[in-house]
């Protein structure tokens, strides 16, 4: 999946844009002019990272309809989006003129266009307002209009950030997770200095709720945001702040309740509860909170230090700043200092518990199966042309698909049927249907992969089980956040550049919803109690 980069350097500026005044020259903006359907568009050059030929893609189940798939761009996973689909234009095959504009919108996204015409320099007086413009494209997606540039009488300027908010709302709503994933990768672009200059007067914060109060953490300390696991390993004789340890992608993560840490009343976790994984240096801790709100960009003028008297007192020592937002500054957001937080005794206790458990477990893990700590073992299976993987420990067994599946009356619609697996009734689900892919006729290559989810054994039909593969941790990165359901199920991508493979790694706990597991447990009980009918 290699891509040829198309040079996007601006052309020499002719007499119509040349100026002897440096002040006038500094106002000149550069735009990439491109064509999609019968319309001509422009985009400000600043967020355009590069222009590439349309790459081969790996399709993503449960993603937005406008998403063509994922591509490998020099070792990084890049979502590829069809502008024709976004605009509702007729579908057409890509050709030699088709290009993908790689635009950084918090996470890099590739937008496929019919062709790129040119890169032009535009004077401020050539940019007009779009009010009153009649076009097939929603004018809310536009930020301006260029007149008589690049050989075109009229060029519509696309606002891709607004486009994402209007047409790809699921990507926009997952900005928190995307930004946190980017922070966890420690990605730095060649334009980092320019970015720093642009944002030096603002703070980027991940905001969240605890006991109906709003708090925030600087995004540079936020590694990722995950749901509470079904199982948490309790730490003996630990303080109430320390909830225990969880397994996050084969690494133990200590969990601390932020409610208890701030001496707030305890509360049972629910579907809104989240774990914000924070990092200071090489140390990582999971903070459990009621819910996560959004990523805030706060001007430094709206931030003031915590009053000295309050900052010195008990449960407020971790809060170093207050943001006053909204009309009249009525929305107060307390900014937590990660450095101060990590000095707290309960955080230290959680880290000590982790170290103790890792030391006692290291000898056993290193010699048990010969698997190294820096790699992960997964079972790879295929659906259509795409490859998926699940942790080998999550797969109980793999069996052939019988000639006929037995149907149970009043079974849920998502169940293909049941089979008798060594005296036990096993509900079977077609993984293609689960992921919204077209179904195919049964064949000899198909297999049933058996998982144990919440004590319920469930089988999933896949096209073929390919191999058991050891993947280095260095090749695994967070999956792009493209829809709410996809973000839960497909959490990571194994980007194996030398083999030209992108393997989407599934979280088995999200293969089927919790309430549906209860239906399957009831189905199995009914099937065992009464002989099913074929």
Protein backbone atom coordinates (compact mmCIF):
# COMPACT_ATOMS: atom_id res chain seq x y z
CA UNK A 1 0.00 0.00 0.00
CA UNK A 2 2.58 2.53 -1.00
CA UNK A 3 1.52 5.96 -2.17
CA UNK A 4 3.07 8.36 -4.61
CA UNK A 5 3.07 11.89 -3.23
CA UNK A 6 2.13 14.60 -5.71
CA UNK A 7 4.09 17.80 -5.29
CA UNK A 8 1.90 20.60 -4.02
CA UNK A 9 4.39 23.43 -4.03
CA UNK A 10 2.88 26.77 -5.07
CA UNK A 11 3.53 28.01 -8.59
CA UNK A 12 5.54 31.12 -9.24
CA UNK A 13 3.42 34.17 -8.51
CA UNK A 14 2.79 36.16 -11.69
CA UNK A 15 2.30 39.85 -12.21
CA UNK A 16 -1.32 39.75 -11.08
CA UNK A 17 -0.32 38.79 -7.54
CA UNK A 18 3.11 40.30 -7.28
CA UNK A 19 3.59 43.33 -5.08
CA UNK A 20 6.54 45.46 -4.19
CA UNK A 21 5.15 45.98 -0.69
CA UNK A 22 6.13 43.34 1.88
CA UNK A 23 3.02 44.18 3.92
CA UNK A 24 0.74 43.47 0.96
CA UNK A 25 2.64 40.28 0.13
CA UNK A 26 2.11 38.89 3.64
CA UNK A 27 -1.68 39.04 3.15
CA UNK A 28 -1.56 36.77 0.11
CA UNK A 29 -3.05 33.32 0.86
CA UNK A 30 -2.43 30.10 -1.02
CA UNK A 31 -5.29 27.80 -2.02
CA UNK A 32 -5.41 24.32 -3.54
CA UNK A 33 -7.97 24.34 -6.38
CA UNK A 34 -9.72 21.02 -7.05
CA UNK A 35 -12.70 19.63 -8.95
CA UNK A 36 -15.39 17.27 -7.63
CA UNK A 37 -18.34 16.43 -9.85
CA UNK A 38 -19.25 19.53 -11.84
CA UNK A 39 -18.13 21.93 -9.08
CA UNK A 40 -14.81 23.71 -8.50
CA UNK A 41 -13.56 24.12 -4.94
CA UNK A 42 -10.62 25.58 -3.09
CA UNK A 43 -9.09 24.88 0.31
CA UNK A 44 -6.63 26.99 2.26
CA UNK A 45 -3.15 25.50 1.88
CA UNK A 46 -2.35 25.75 5.62
CA UNK A 47 -4.03 22.51 6.85
CA UNK A 48 -3.20 20.55 3.66
CA UNK A 49 -0.34 18.25 4.59
CA UNK A 50 0.11 16.74 1.13
CA UNK A 51 -1.67 15.63 -2.05
CA UNK A 52 -1.37 11.93 -2.96
CA UNK A 53 -2.67 9.49 -5.53
CA UNK A 54 -5.70 7.60 -4.23
CA UNK A 55 -4.22 4.67 -2.26
CA UNK A 56 -5.45 1.12 -1.82
CA UNK A 57 -7.71 0.92 1.22
CA UNK A 58 -8.84 -1.59 3.80
CA UNK A 59 -12.59 -1.31 4.33
CA UNK A 60 -13.79 -0.62 7.88
CA UNK A 61 -17.04 -2.25 9.06
CA UNK A 62 -19.49 -0.05 11.00
CA UNK A 63 -17.78 3.11 9.69
CA UNK A 64 -19.62 6.04 8.05
CA UNK A 65 -20.94 5.47 4.50
CA UNK A 66 -18.64 8.22 3.24
CA UNK A 67 -15.55 6.34 4.46
CA UNK A 68 -13.81 4.40 1.67
CA UNK A 69 -11.43 2.70 4.14
CA UNK A 70 -8.01 2.94 5.79
CA UNK A 71 -4.73 3.38 3.95
CA UNK A 72 -1.09 3.10 4.96
CA UNK A 73 0.67 6.43 4.41
CA UNK A 74 4.38 5.97 5.18
CA UNK A 75 3.72 3.91 8.27
CA UNK A 76 0.68 5.89 9.53
CA UNK A 77 -2.95 4.79 9.27
CA UNK A 78 -4.96 7.30 7.20
CA UNK A 79 -8.79 7.28 6.87
CA UNK A 80 -9.85 7.92 3.24
CA UNK A 81 -13.18 9.75 2.70
CA UNK A 82 -15.12 10.23 -0.55
CA UNK A 83 -16.09 13.86 -1.17
CA UNK A 84 -18.50 12.68 -3.89
CA UNK A 85 -20.42 10.67 -1.28
CA UNK A 86 -20.30 13.57 1.17
CA UNK A 87 -21.86 15.89 -1.42
CA UNK A 88 -24.36 13.31 -2.67
CA UNK A 89 -22.84 13.28 -6.18
CA UNK A 90 -23.06 10.20 -8.43
CA UNK A 91 -20.45 7.51 -7.77
CA UNK A 92 -17.57 7.11 -10.24
CA UNK A 93 -14.42 5.02 -10.34
CA UNK A 94 -11.13 6.72 -9.52
CA UNK A 95 -8.80 7.31 -12.48
CA UNK A 96 -5.31 8.67 -13.10
CA UNK A 97 -6.47 12.21 -12.30
CA UNK A 98 -8.07 11.34 -8.96
CA UNK A 99 -6.25 12.55 -5.86
CA UNK A 100 -6.57 12.47 -2.08
CA UNK A 101 -6.06 15.72 -0.16
CA UNK A 102 -4.48 14.88 3.22
CA UNK A 103 -5.85 17.49 5.63
CA UNK A 104 -5.07 17.70 9.35
CA UNK A 105 -8.32 18.21 11.29
CA UNK A 106 -7.09 17.09 14.69
CA UNK A 107 -6.37 13.74 13.05
CA UNK A 108 -5.16 13.53 9.41
CA UNK A 109 -7.94 12.60 6.96
CA UNK A 110 -7.68 11.93 3.22
CA UNK A 111 -10.45 13.41 1.02
CA UNK A 112 -10.77 11.93 -2.50
CA UNK A 113 -11.42 14.49 -5.29
CA UNK A 114 -11.78 14.03 -9.06
CA UNK A 115 -8.68 16.08 -9.84
CA UNK A 116 -6.44 18.81 -8.43
CA UNK A 117 -6.16 21.77 -10.78
CA UNK A 118 -3.48 24.00 -9.23
CA UNK A 119 -2.14 25.83 -6.21
CA UNK A 120 -2.76 29.56 -6.50
CA UNK A 121 -1.86 32.72 -4.59
CA UNK A 122 -4.92 34.85 -3.80
CA UNK A 123 -5.13 38.50 -2.77
CA UNK A 124 -7.55 39.38 0.07
CA UNK A 125 -9.77 41.43 -2.27
CA UNK A 126 -10.35 38.30 -4.40
CA UNK A 127 -12.09 36.49 -1.50
CA UNK A 128 -15.82 37.21 -1.18
CA UNK A 129 -18.69 36.21 1.10
CA UNK A 130 -20.87 33.20 0.13
CA UNK A 131 -24.23 34.68 1.20
CA UNK A 132 -26.76 34.48 -1.60
CA UNK A 133 -24.77 31.86 -3.52
CA UNK A 134 -26.95 29.19 -5.16
CA UNK A 135 -25.17 25.84 -5.55
CA UNK A 136 -25.70 22.10 -5.19
CA UNK A 137 -23.38 22.15 -2.15
CA UNK A 138 -24.59 23.23 1.29
CA UNK A 139 -23.20 26.76 1.76
CA UNK A 140 -22.71 26.03 5.47
CA UNK A 141 -19.69 23.97 4.35
CA UNK A 142 -18.15 27.02 2.63
CA UNK A 143 -16.04 29.79 4.11
CA UNK A 144 -15.77 32.05 1.08
CA UNK A 145 -15.77 32.51 -2.66
CA UNK A 146 -12.80 33.14 -4.98
CA UNK A 147 -13.36 35.12 -8.18
CA UNK A 148 -11.27 34.69 -11.35
CA UNK A 149 -8.46 32.51 -9.96
CA UNK A 150 -6.75 29.45 -11.43
CA UNK A 151 -8.56 29.91 -14.73
CA UNK A 152 -12.03 29.65 -13.11
CA UNK A 153 -14.61 32.41 -12.82
CA UNK A 154 -15.82 31.15 -9.44
CA UNK A 155 -14.20 28.82 -6.86
CA UNK A 156 -16.00 27.79 -3.65
CA UNK A 157 -13.73 27.67 -0.59
CA UNK A 158 -14.41 24.55 1.49
CA UNK A 159 -14.32 24.71 5.29
CA UNK A 160 -13.32 21.09 6.01
CA UNK A 161 -13.56 21.52 9.79
CA UNK A 162 -17.18 22.63 9.43
CA UNK A 163 -17.77 19.87 6.87
CA UNK A 164 -16.72 17.26 9.42
CA UNK A 165 -19.05 18.78 12.01
CA UNK A 166 -22.04 18.86 9.64
CA UNK A 167 -21.67 15.68 7.62
CA UNK A 168 -19.44 13.37 9.70
CA UNK A 169 -20.90 14.05 13.13
CA UNK A 170 -19.67 10.75 14.59
CA UNK A 171 -16.07 11.65 13.81
CA UNK A 172 -16.64 15.12 15.25
CA UNK A 173 -18.23 13.73 18.43
CA UNK A 174 -15.25 11.46 18.96
CA UNK A 175 -12.77 14.36 18.83
CA UNK A 176 -11.88 13.69 22.48
CA UNK A 177 -10.81 10.11 21.82
CA UNK A 178 -9.05 11.05 18.59
CA UNK A 179 -7.06 13.81 20.25
CA UNK A 180 -6.19 11.53 23.15
CA UNK A 181 -5.07 8.78 20.78
CA UNK A 182 -2.84 11.25 18.93
CA UNK A 183 -1.36 12.31 22.27
CA UNK A 184 -0.65 8.66 23.15
CA UNK A 185 1.23 8.16 19.89
CA UNK A 186 3.40 11.23 20.59
CA UNK A 187 3.07 12.25 16.96
CA UNK A 188 5.01 15.34 15.92
CA UNK A 189 4.76 16.85 12.45
CA UNK A 190 7.31 18.94 10.62
CA UNK A 191 5.12 21.99 11.23
CA UNK A 192 5.20 21.66 15.02
CA UNK A 193 6.84 25.04 15.47
CA UNK A 194 4.11 26.75 13.45
CA UNK A 195 1.43 24.92 15.47
CA UNK A 196 3.05 26.00 18.73
CA UNK A 197 3.07 29.63 17.60
CA UNK A 198 -0.62 29.41 16.64
CA UNK A 199 -1.71 27.89 19.97
CA UNK A 200 0.67 29.53 22.45
CA UNK A 201 -2.19 31.78 23.65
CA UNK A 202 -4.57 28.94 24.43
CA UNK A 203 -4.80 25.74 26.47
CA UNK A 204 -6.14 22.45 25.11
CA UNK A 205 -7.99 20.56 27.83
CA UNK A 206 -10.02 17.35 28.09
CA UNK A 207 -13.06 18.22 30.22
CA UNK A 208 -15.13 15.79 32.29
CA UNK A 209 -17.76 15.60 35.02
CA UNK A 210 -17.31 14.41 38.61
CA UNK A 211 -20.19 14.87 41.10
CA UNK A 212 -21.89 17.38 38.74
CA UNK A 213 -18.77 19.57 38.71
CA UNK A 214 -16.67 20.19 35.60
CA UNK A 215 -12.95 19.51 35.68
CA UNK A 216 -10.26 19.34 32.99
CA UNK A 217 -6.82 17.87 32.35
CA UNK A 218 -4.25 19.25 29.87
CA UNK A 219 -4.50 17.20 26.69
CA UNK A 220 -0.73 16.61 26.54
CA UNK A 221 -1.06 14.40 29.63
CA UNK A 222 -4.11 12.53 28.27
CA UNK A 223 -3.12 9.24 26.66
CA UNK A 224 -6.58 7.87 25.79
CA UNK A 225 -10.15 7.45 27.03
CA UNK A 226 -11.64 3.98 27.55
CA UNK A 227 -14.73 2.38 29.06
CA UNK A 228 -14.72 0.59 32.40
CA UNK A 229 -13.82 -3.09 31.95
CA UNK A 230 -16.06 -5.91 33.09
CA UNK A 231 -13.37 -7.19 35.45
CA UNK A 232 -11.07 -5.16 37.72
CA UNK A 233 -8.35 -6.94 39.73
CA UNK A 234 -8.75 -5.81 43.35
CA UNK A 235 -5.67 -4.78 45.31
CA UNK A 236 -5.64 -6.26 48.85
CA UNK A 237 -5.72 -3.73 51.74
CA UNK A 238 -5.71 -0.77 49.34
CA UNK A 239 -7.34 2.58 50.18
CA UNK A 240 -10.84 3.25 48.83
CA UNK A 241 -9.33 5.58 46.20
CA UNK A 242 -7.58 2.62 44.54
CA UNK A 243 -10.18 0.63 42.57
CA UNK A 244 -7.68 -1.99 41.39
CA UNK A 245 -5.89 -2.96 38.17
CA UNK A 246 -7.25 -3.53 34.66
CA UNK A 247 -5.74 -5.13 31.57
CA UNK A 248 -5.40 -2.50 28.85
CA UNK A 249 -4.04 -4.13 25.68
CA UNK A 250 -2.02 -6.68 27.62
CA UNK A 251 -0.61 -4.08 30.03
CA UNK A 252 -1.73 -3.60 33.62
CA UNK A 253 -3.18 -0.18 34.38
CA UNK A 254 -3.82 1.01 37.97
CA UNK A 255 -7.27 2.59 38.41
CA UNK A 256 -7.99 5.41 40.85
CA UNK A 257 -11.40 6.93 41.63
CA UNK A 258 -11.29 10.68 41.10
CA UNK A 259 -14.41 11.04 43.25
CA UNK A 260 -12.68 9.50 46.24
CA UNK A 261 -9.46 11.34 45.47
CA UNK A 262 -11.30 14.68 45.65
CA UNK A 263 -13.17 13.49 48.77
CA UNK A 264 -16.54 13.54 47.00
CA UNK A 265 -19.44 11.12 47.73
CA UNK A 266 -19.00 7.66 46.13
CA UNK A 267 -21.20 6.63 43.18
CA UNK A 268 -21.78 3.39 41.30
CA UNK A 269 -20.32 3.42 37.80
CA UNK A 270 -22.78 3.35 34.86
CA UNK A 271 -22.68 3.41 31.05
CA UNK A 272 -21.52 7.05 31.08
CA UNK A 273 -18.52 6.39 33.31
CA UNK A 274 -15.13 6.57 31.64
CA UNK A 275 -11.46 6.00 32.39
CA UNK A 276 -9.13 8.80 31.32
CA UNK A 277 -5.64 7.33 30.96
CA UNK A 278 -3.14 10.00 32.03
CA UNK A 279 0.61 9.93 31.78
CA UNK A 280 3.44 11.80 33.48
CA UNK A 281 6.79 10.87 32.00
CA UNK A 282 6.75 7.07 31.70
CA UNK A 283 4.14 6.55 34.45
CA UNK A 284 0.51 5.86 33.46
CA UNK A 285 -2.65 5.79 35.62
CA UNK A 286 -6.37 5.43 34.83
CA UNK A 287 -8.64 8.04 36.44
CA UNK A 288 -12.25 6.89 36.78
CA UNK A 289 -14.80 9.70 36.32
CA UNK A 290 -18.56 10.10 35.83
CA UNK A 291 -18.41 11.14 32.17
CA UNK A 292 -16.20 12.84 29.59
CA UNK A 293 -17.44 16.05 27.97
CA UNK A 294 -15.25 17.46 25.21
CA UNK A 295 -11.91 18.89 24.16
CA UNK A 296 -11.74 22.58 25.12
CA UNK A 297 -9.56 25.24 23.51
CA UNK A 298 -9.37 27.91 26.19
CA UNK A 299 -7.63 31.29 25.69
CA UNK A 300 -5.08 31.95 28.42
CA UNK A 301 -6.94 35.19 29.17
CA UNK A 302 -9.84 33.06 30.48
CA UNK A 303 -7.56 31.10 32.87
CA UNK A 304 -6.62 32.32 36.32
CA UNK A 305 -4.66 30.65 39.15
CA UNK A 306 -6.48 29.01 42.03
CA UNK A 307 -6.74 31.43 44.97
CA UNK A 308 -3.76 30.77 47.25
CA UNK A 309 -5.91 30.16 50.31
CA UNK A 310 -7.98 27.47 48.56
CA UNK A 311 -5.03 25.89 46.74
CA UNK A 312 -3.35 25.09 50.04
CA UNK A 313 -6.36 23.30 51.49
CA UNK A 314 -7.08 19.55 51.60
CA UNK A 315 -8.83 18.23 48.51
CA UNK A 316 -8.06 21.29 46.34
CA UNK A 317 -4.29 20.89 46.18
CA UNK A 318 -4.56 19.10 42.82
CA UNK A 319 -6.52 22.01 41.27
CA UNK A 320 -4.13 24.75 40.18
CA UNK A 321 -6.21 26.87 37.76
CA UNK A 322 -9.79 27.91 37.05
CA UNK A 323 -11.23 28.60 33.58
CA UNK A 324 -14.11 31.04 33.29
CA UNK A 325 -16.07 30.23 30.12
CA UNK A 326 -19.37 31.14 28.53
CA UNK A 327 -21.35 34.34 28.83
CA UNK A 328 -20.16 36.33 31.81
CA UNK A 329 -17.72 33.59 32.78
CA UNK A 330 -20.49 31.59 34.51
CA UNK A 331 -19.14 28.22 33.38
CA UNK A 332 -16.30 27.33 35.76
CA UNK A 333 -13.87 24.54 34.84
CA UNK A 334 -11.29 23.44 37.42
CA UNK A 335 -7.95 22.47 35.87
CA UNK A 336 -6.19 19.57 37.59
CA UNK A 337 -2.40 19.54 37.73
CA UNK A 338 -1.22 16.04 36.79
CA UNK A 339 2.12 16.70 38.50
CA UNK A 340 0.37 17.49 41.80
CA UNK A 341 -2.06 14.63 41.30
CA UNK A 342 0.75 12.10 40.89
CA UNK A 343 2.16 13.17 44.25
CA UNK A 344 -1.04 12.04 45.99
CA UNK A 345 -0.53 9.08 48.35
CA UNK A 346 -3.30 7.00 46.73
CA UNK A 347 -1.73 7.38 43.26
CA UNK A 348 1.60 6.30 44.69
CA UNK A 349 -0.11 3.34 46.38
CA UNK A 350 -1.74 2.29 43.09
CA UNK A 351 1.62 2.45 41.31
CA UNK A 352 3.31 0.47 44.10
CA UNK A 353 0.60 -2.22 43.77
CA UNK A 354 1.25 -2.40 40.05
CA UNK A 355 5.02 -2.74 40.54
CA UNK A 356 4.55 -5.50 43.12
CA UNK A 357 2.23 -7.47 40.86
CA UNK A 358 4.49 -7.07 37.83
CA UNK A 359 7.58 -8.19 39.75
CA UNK A 360 5.84 -11.30 41.10
CA UNK A 361 4.45 -12.13 37.67
CA UNK A 362 7.47 -11.39 35.46
CA UNK A 363 9.30 -14.70 35.95
CA UNK A 364 6.22 -16.74 35.14
CA UNK A 365 5.33 -14.67 32.03
CA UNK A 366 8.80 -14.71 30.54
CA UNK A 367 9.18 -18.48 30.60
CA UNK A 368 5.66 -19.72 30.23
CA UNK A 369 5.05 -19.76 26.49
CA UNK A 370 8.11 -18.14 25.02
CA UNK A 371 6.14 -15.03 24.02
CA UNK A 372 8.07 -11.82 24.48
CA UNK A 373 6.63 -8.84 26.36
CA UNK A 374 7.09 -6.59 23.32
CA UNK A 375 4.74 -8.56 21.07
CA UNK A 376 1.13 -9.67 21.04
CA UNK A 377 -0.30 -12.97 19.82
CA UNK A 378 -3.56 -12.75 17.85
CA UNK A 379 -5.78 -15.05 15.82
CA UNK A 380 -6.20 -13.54 12.35
CA UNK A 381 -9.40 -14.18 10.38
CA UNK A 382 -10.81 -12.81 7.14
CA UNK A 383 -14.15 -11.37 6.14
CA UNK A 384 -14.26 -10.72 2.40
CA UNK A 385 -10.82 -9.22 1.57
CA UNK A 386 -10.19 -7.65 4.97
CA UNK A 387 -8.15 -9.07 7.84
CA UNK A 388 -9.18 -8.88 11.49
CA UNK A 389 -7.52 -10.08 14.66
CA UNK A 390 -8.50 -10.97 18.24
CA UNK A 391 -6.27 -11.83 21.21
CA UNK A 392 -5.50 -15.55 21.20
CA UNK A 393 -6.49 -15.82 24.87
CA UNK A 394 -10.04 -14.66 24.03
CA UNK A 395 -10.71 -17.53 21.57
CA UNK A 396 -11.92 -20.69 23.30
CA UNK A 397 -11.89 -22.86 20.20
CA UNK A 398 -12.43 -22.88 16.43
CA UNK A 399 -14.83 -25.40 14.86
CA UNK A 400 -16.22 -26.20 11.40
CA UNK A 401 -19.61 -24.85 10.35
CA UNK A 402 -22.06 -27.78 10.23
CA UNK A 403 -24.09 -28.48 7.10
CA UNK A 404 -27.20 -27.14 8.81
CA UNK A 405 -27.73 -24.79 11.73
CA UNK A 406 -30.68 -25.58 14.00
CA UNK A 407 -33.21 -22.76 14.30
CA UNK A 408 -34.91 -22.00 17.61
CA UNK A 409 -38.44 -20.51 17.62
CA UNK A 410 -38.56 -16.82 18.63
CA UNK A 411 -34.78 -16.54 18.49
CA UNK A 412 -33.36 -12.99 18.12
CA UNK A 413 -33.03 -11.85 14.50
CA UNK A 414 -29.26 -11.56 14.73
CA UNK A 415 -28.85 -15.30 15.54
CA UNK A 416 -28.23 -17.65 12.60
CA UNK A 417 -29.11 -20.67 14.71
CA UNK A 418 -27.60 -23.01 17.29
CA UNK A 419 -25.32 -26.05 17.16
CA UNK A 420 -24.67 -28.86 19.61
CA UNK A 421 -21.08 -28.48 20.72
CA UNK A 422 -20.14 -31.50 22.84
CA UNK A 423 -23.52 -31.62 24.59
CA UNK A 424 -23.95 -27.84 25.02
CA UNK A 425 -26.09 -25.51 22.94
CA UNK A 426 -23.98 -22.86 21.20
CA UNK A 427 -25.76 -19.81 19.69
CA UNK A 428 -24.14 -18.86 16.37
CA UNK A 429 -23.94 -15.38 14.81
CA UNK A 430 -22.79 -14.52 11.28
CA UNK A 431 -19.91 -12.07 11.73
CA UNK A 432 -20.58 -10.61 8.28
CA UNK A 433 -24.07 -9.55 9.32
CA UNK A 434 -22.78 -8.29 12.65
CA UNK A 435 -20.38 -5.96 10.83
CA UNK A 436 -22.84 -4.90 8.13
CA UNK A 437 -21.11 -6.80 5.30
CA UNK A 438 -22.98 -8.70 2.52
CA UNK A 439 -23.69 -12.34 3.39
CA UNK A 440 -22.30 -15.24 1.33
CA UNK A 441 -23.29 -18.87 0.83
CA UNK A 442 -21.86 -21.40 3.28
CA UNK A 443 -18.59 -23.01 2.15
CA UNK A 444 -15.92 -25.38 3.44
CA UNK A 445 -13.48 -22.61 4.34
CA UNK A 446 -15.79 -20.94 6.85
CA UNK A 447 -15.24 -21.54 10.56
CA UNK A 448 -16.98 -20.76 13.86
CA UNK A 449 -14.82 -18.91 16.38
CA UNK A 450 -16.07 -19.53 19.95
CA UNK A 451 -15.80 -16.79 22.61
CA UNK A 452 -16.87 -16.68 26.27
CA UNK A 453 -18.59 -13.34 26.93
CA UNK A 454 -20.08 -12.66 30.38
CA UNK A 455 -20.23 -16.40 31.03
CA UNK A 456 -22.13 -17.02 27.75
CA UNK A 457 -20.45 -19.07 25.03
CA UNK A 458 -21.13 -17.58 21.58
CA UNK A 459 -19.94 -18.65 18.14
CA UNK A 460 -19.19 -16.23 15.28
CA UNK A 461 -18.98 -17.42 11.66
CA UNK A 462 -16.00 -16.02 9.73
CA UNK A 463 -14.93 -16.56 6.11
CA UNK A 464 -11.61 -18.17 7.01
CA UNK A 465 -9.27 -18.40 9.99
CA UNK A 466 -5.91 -17.45 8.49
CA UNK A 467 -3.22 -17.84 11.15
CA UNK A 468 -2.00 -17.23 14.67
CA UNK A 469 0.33 -14.24 14.42
CA UNK A 470 2.81 -12.59 16.77
CA UNK A 471 2.64 -8.83 16.24
CA UNK A 472 5.25 -6.45 17.72
CA UNK A 473 3.73 -3.76 19.94
CA UNK A 474 5.60 -1.18 17.86
CA UNK A 475 3.38 -2.09 14.87
CA UNK A 476 0.12 -1.53 16.80
CA UNK A 477 -1.53 1.88 17.01
CA UNK A 478 -4.96 3.20 18.01
CA UNK A 479 -7.58 2.87 15.26
CA UNK A 480 -8.97 6.11 13.81
CA UNK A 481 -12.22 7.08 15.55
CA UNK A 482 -14.81 6.94 12.75
CA UNK A 483 -18.13 6.04 14.40
CA UNK A 484 -19.31 5.32 17.94
CA UNK A 485 -19.85 1.57 17.37
CA UNK A 486 -16.67 1.13 15.32
CA UNK A 487 -14.62 2.97 17.96
CA UNK A 488 -15.70 0.46 20.62
CA UNK A 489 -15.28 -2.69 18.53
CA UNK A 490 -12.18 -1.87 16.45
CA UNK A 491 -9.87 -0.29 19.00
CA UNK A 492 -6.48 -0.74 17.30
CA UNK A 493 -4.80 -1.42 13.97
CA UNK A 494 -1.72 -3.55 13.33
CA UNK A 495 0.17 -1.64 10.65
CA UNK A 496 2.65 -4.14 9.18
CA UNK A 497 4.45 -2.09 6.56
CA UNK A 498 6.90 -4.67 5.20
CA UNK A 499 4.12 -7.20 4.60
CA UNK A 500 1.79 -4.43 3.32
CA UNK A 501 -0.92 -5.54 5.74
CA UNK A 502 -3.38 -3.60 7.88
CA UNK A 503 -5.03 -5.88 10.44
CA UNK A 504 -7.97 -4.40 12.32
CA UNK A 505 -7.87 -5.61 15.94
CA UNK A 506 -11.25 -6.25 17.57
CA UNK A 507 -12.13 -5.94 21.24
CA UNK A 508 -13.99 -9.24 21.88
CA UNK A 509 -16.01 -7.70 24.74
CA UNK A 510 -17.80 -5.54 22.14
CA UNK A 511 -18.53 -8.31 19.62
CA UNK A 512 -22.11 -8.22 20.86
CA UNK A 513 -24.00 -5.89 23.20
CA UNK A 514 -24.42 -6.89 26.84
CA UNK A 515 -28.24 -7.03 26.66
CA UNK A 516 -28.01 -9.30 23.60
CA UNK A 517 -25.76 -11.68 25.54
CA UNK A 518 -28.58 -12.07 28.07
CA UNK A 519 -30.94 -12.93 25.20
CA UNK A 520 -28.47 -15.56 24.00
CA UNK A 521 -28.16 -17.07 27.48
CA UNK A 522 -31.96 -17.35 27.64
CA UNK A 523 -32.01 -18.83 24.11
CA UNK A 524 -29.50 -21.51 25.07
CA UNK A 525 -31.57 -22.42 28.17
CA UNK A 526 -34.75 -22.71 26.08
CA UNK A 527 -33.00 -24.75 23.40
CA UNK A 528 -31.70 -27.23 25.99
CA UNK A 529 -35.08 -27.48 27.73
CA UNK A 530 -37.09 -28.18 24.55
CA UNK A 531 -35.87 -29.96 21.39
CA UNK A 532 -35.35 -27.27 18.72
CA UNK A 533 -36.90 -27.54 15.27
CA UNK A 534 -34.98 -27.48 12.01
